[in-house]
Every structure is written in C-alpha cells, then in structure tokens.
Protein backbone atom coordinates (compact mmCIF):
# COMPACT_ATOMS: atom_id res chain seq x y z
CA UNK A 1 -5.67 -35.44 -9.17
CA UNK A 2 -6.80 -32.63 -11.35
CA UNK A 3 -4.64 -29.46 -11.17
CA UNK A 4 -6.20 -26.02 -11.05
CA UNK A 5 -5.51 -23.91 -14.10
CA UNK A 6 -5.88 -20.60 -12.24
CA UNK A 7 -2.67 -18.89 -11.15
CA UNK A 8 -2.07 -16.95 -7.92
CA UNK A 9 -1.95 -13.67 -9.85
CA UNK A 10 -5.35 -14.39 -11.52
CA UNK A 11 -6.77 -15.32 -8.15
CA UNK A 12 -5.56 -12.12 -6.58
CA UNK A 13 -6.87 -10.09 -9.59
CA UNK A 14 -10.37 -11.54 -9.10
CA UNK A 15 -10.39 -10.57 -5.39
CA UNK A 16 -8.55 -7.26 -5.67
CA UNK A 17 -9.23 -5.50 -8.96
CA UNK A 18 -6.66 -2.98 -10.17
CA UNK A 19 -6.82 0.48 -8.73
CA UNK A 20 -6.20 3.57 -10.96
CA UNK A 21 -2.83 5.32 -10.34
CA UNK A 22 -4.62 8.51 -9.30
CA UNK A 23 -6.37 6.71 -6.48
CA UNK A 24 -3.07 5.12 -5.41
CA UNK A 25 -1.45 8.56 -5.18
CA UNK A 26 -4.47 9.93 -3.23
CA UNK A 27 -4.22 7.01 -0.75
CA UNK A 28 -0.42 7.48 -0.54
CA UNK A 29 -0.97 11.17 0.31
CA UNK A 30 -3.49 10.35 2.99
CA UNK A 31 -1.24 7.69 4.56
CA UNK A 32 1.72 10.10 4.54
CA UNK A 33 -0.33 12.83 6.24
CA UNK A 34 -1.66 10.39 8.97
CA UNK A 35 1.74 9.01 9.78
CA UNK A 36 3.45 12.36 9.71
CA UNK A 37 1.00 13.65 12.30
CA UNK A 38 1.29 10.54 14.41
CA UNK A 39 5.05 10.47 14.29
CA UNK A 40 5.29 14.09 15.18
CA UNK A 41 2.97 13.67 18.21
CA UNK A 42 4.14 10.30 19.53
CA UNK A 43 7.47 9.28 18.00
CA UNK A 44 10.54 10.95 16.52
CA UNK A 45 11.96 11.95 13.08
CA UNK A 46 13.65 8.53 12.62
CA UNK A 47 10.28 6.78 12.72
CA UNK A 48 8.78 9.34 10.42
CA UNK A 49 11.53 8.73 7.85
CA UNK A 50 11.05 5.03 8.16
CA UNK A 51 7.25 5.27 7.85
CA UNK A 52 7.56 7.51 4.80
CA UNK A 53 10.05 5.12 3.16
CA UNK A 54 7.71 2.11 3.73
CA UNK A 55 4.59 3.97 2.40
CA UNK A 56 6.49 5.01 -0.66
CA UNK A 57 7.65 1.51 -1.22
CA UNK A 58 4.12 0.19 -0.81
CA UNK A 59 2.81 2.56 -3.45
CA UNK A 60 5.10 0.97 -5.91
CA UNK A 61 3.51 -2.34 -5.10
CA UNK A 62 -0.18 -1.66 -6.16
CA UNK A 63 -1.71 -4.58 -4.30
CA UNK A 64 -0.41 -3.54 -0.94
CA UNK A 65 -1.85 0.01 -1.19
CA UNK A 66 -5.18 -1.22 -2.46
CA UNK A 67 -5.69 -3.13 0.79
CA UNK A 68 -4.43 -0.35 3.11
C-alpha cells in the first residue's frame, strides 16, 4: 500500500488557513462579550469565570478560535 505523504497539520492548514492575530483578538473580544452577557442573565459568576478561562485558552490555540 502506498502511504500518503501529507501530514495532519498540512491537511488542517489547507482546510483552515491561518488567521491574523488581530482577527483572533477581535473574535476573542466578541466571544467574551457574548458569554459575559449570557452568564449574567442566565447563570452565575462561577460559570462566567469558567467561560472566560476557556475562551482565553482557546485563543492560545489558533485553530479552535478560527472555527468558533
């Protein structure tokens, strides 16, 4: 059998091109605003802190934010 020479990272790159850091920061800001409003209306401060922590973690992993 012939093996494929493309790696997973290369495959992802072709489907999800890199996003500039400014765009990632903009998306992070929007996500934080949306979750802050939702948590204040429907949940509590603990959920807000958890959501903020997860969003901030996602922004360090570019691929995740690009798909959000």
